[in-house]
C-alpha atoms as a PDB file:
ATOM      1  CA  UNK A   1      85.471 -65.136 -41.783  1.00  0.00           C
ATOM      2  CA  UNK A   2      84.938 -61.973 -43.794  1.00  0.00           C
ATOM      3  CA  UNK A   3      82.778 -61.626 -46.909  1.00  0.00           C
ATOM      4  CA  UNK A   4      83.278 -58.908 -49.505  1.00  0.00           C
ATOM      5  CA  UNK A   5      80.596 -58.004 -52.076  1.00  0.00           C
ATOM      6  CA  UNK A   6      82.004 -56.282 -55.178  1.00  0.00           C
ATOM      7  CA  UNK A   7      80.553 -55.014 -58.464  1.00  0.00           C
ATOM      8  CA  UNK A   8      81.240 -57.375 -61.367  1.00  0.00           C
ATOM      9  CA  UNK A   9      81.549 -54.479 -63.813  1.00  0.00           C
ATOM     10  CA  UNK A  10      83.864 -51.994 -62.083  1.00  0.00           C
ATOM     11  CA  UNK A  11      85.163 -54.085 -59.151  1.00  0.00           C
ATOM     12  CA  UNK A  12      84.085 -51.477 -56.583  1.00  0.00           C
ATOM     13  CA  UNK A  13      83.579 -52.933 -53.091  1.00  0.00           C
ATOM     14  CA  UNK A  14      79.899 -52.597 -52.210  1.00  0.00           C
ATOM     15  CA  UNK A  15      79.868 -54.234 -48.775  1.00  0.00           C
ATOM     16  CA  UNK A  16      82.312 -55.931 -46.393  1.00  0.00           C
ATOM     17  CA  UNK A  17      80.595 -58.222 -43.881  1.00  0.00           C
ATOM     18  CA  UNK A  18      81.652 -60.300 -40.904  1.00  0.00           C
ATOM     19  CA  UNK A  19      78.577 -62.535 -41.236  1.00  0.00           C
ATOM     20  CA  UNK A  20      76.618 -63.653 -44.274  1.00  0.00           C
ATOM     21  CA  UNK A  21      73.453 -61.704 -45.110  1.00  0.00           C
ATOM     22  CA  UNK A  22      70.833 -62.088 -47.792  1.00  0.00           C
ATOM     23  CA  UNK A  23      71.934 -60.522 -51.101  1.00  0.00           C
ATOM     24  CA  UNK A  24      68.635 -58.609 -51.183  1.00  0.00           C
ATOM     25  CA  UNK A  25      69.486 -57.028 -47.804  1.00  0.00           C
ATOM     26  CA  UNK A  26      72.957 -56.055 -49.047  1.00  0.00           C
ATOM     27  CA  UNK A  27      71.616 -54.454 -52.244  1.00  0.00           C
ATOM     28  CA  UNK A  28      68.646 -52.626 -50.652  1.00  0.00           C
ATOM     29  CA  UNK A  29      70.508 -49.438 -49.513  1.00  0.00           C
ATOM     30  CA  UNK A  30      71.835 -48.785 -53.045  1.00  0.00           C
ATOM     31  CA  UNK A  31      68.508 -49.610 -54.767  1.00  0.00           C
ATOM     32  CA  UNK A  32      70.040 -52.700 -56.442  1.00  0.00           C
ATOM     33  CA  UNK A  33      72.749 -50.739 -58.266  1.00  0.00           C
ATOM     34  CA  UNK A  34      76.497 -50.356 -57.828  1.00  0.00           C
ATOM     35  CA  UNK A  35      77.053 -47.031 -56.013  1.00  0.00           C
ATOM     36  CA  UNK A  36      80.169 -46.389 -58.108  1.00  0.00           C
ATOM     37  CA  UNK A  37      79.225 -47.195 -61.722  1.00  0.00           C
ATOM     38  CA  UNK A  38      75.417 -47.605 -61.548  1.00  0.00           C
ATOM     39  CA  UNK A  39      75.471 -51.192 -62.893  1.00  0.00           C
ATOM     40  CA  UNK A  40      72.215 -53.046 -62.093  1.00  0.00           C
ATOM     41  CA  UNK A  41      73.025 -55.827 -59.606  1.00  0.00           C
ATOM     42  CA  UNK A  42      71.184 -59.126 -59.810  1.00  0.00           C
ATOM     43  CA  UNK A  43      70.595 -61.766 -57.131  1.00  0.00           C
ATOM     44  CA  UNK A  44      70.296 -64.350 -59.915  1.00  0.00           C
ATOM     45  CA  UNK A  45      73.646 -63.576 -61.545  1.00  0.00           C
ATOM     46  CA  UNK A  46      76.597 -63.560 -59.198  1.00  0.00           C
ATOM     47  CA  UNK A  47      79.822 -65.453 -58.702  1.00  0.00           C
ATOM     48  CA  UNK A  48      81.673 -66.523 -55.588  1.00  0.00           C
ATOM     49  CA  UNK A  49      85.431 -66.012 -55.415  1.00  0.00           C
ATOM     50  CA  UNK A  50      87.129 -67.462 -52.351  1.00  0.00           C
ATOM     51  CA  UNK A  51      90.492 -66.143 -51.273  1.00  0.00           C
ATOM     52  CA  UNK A  52      92.484 -67.208 -48.229  1.00  0.00           C
ATOM     53  CA  UNK A  53      93.979 -64.337 -46.249  1.00  0.00           C
END
């Protein structure tokens, strides 16, 4: 199973993971912002989209 984290504003892929990690751990390297558009990312506001490949 693969998990992709993307910015809700610009759609830029932030992280592609093979295993689930804490959202805080995923956001830490970019200081909690989207590296592409600078949108502040929140652990409280996120959605889960599931797609079969």
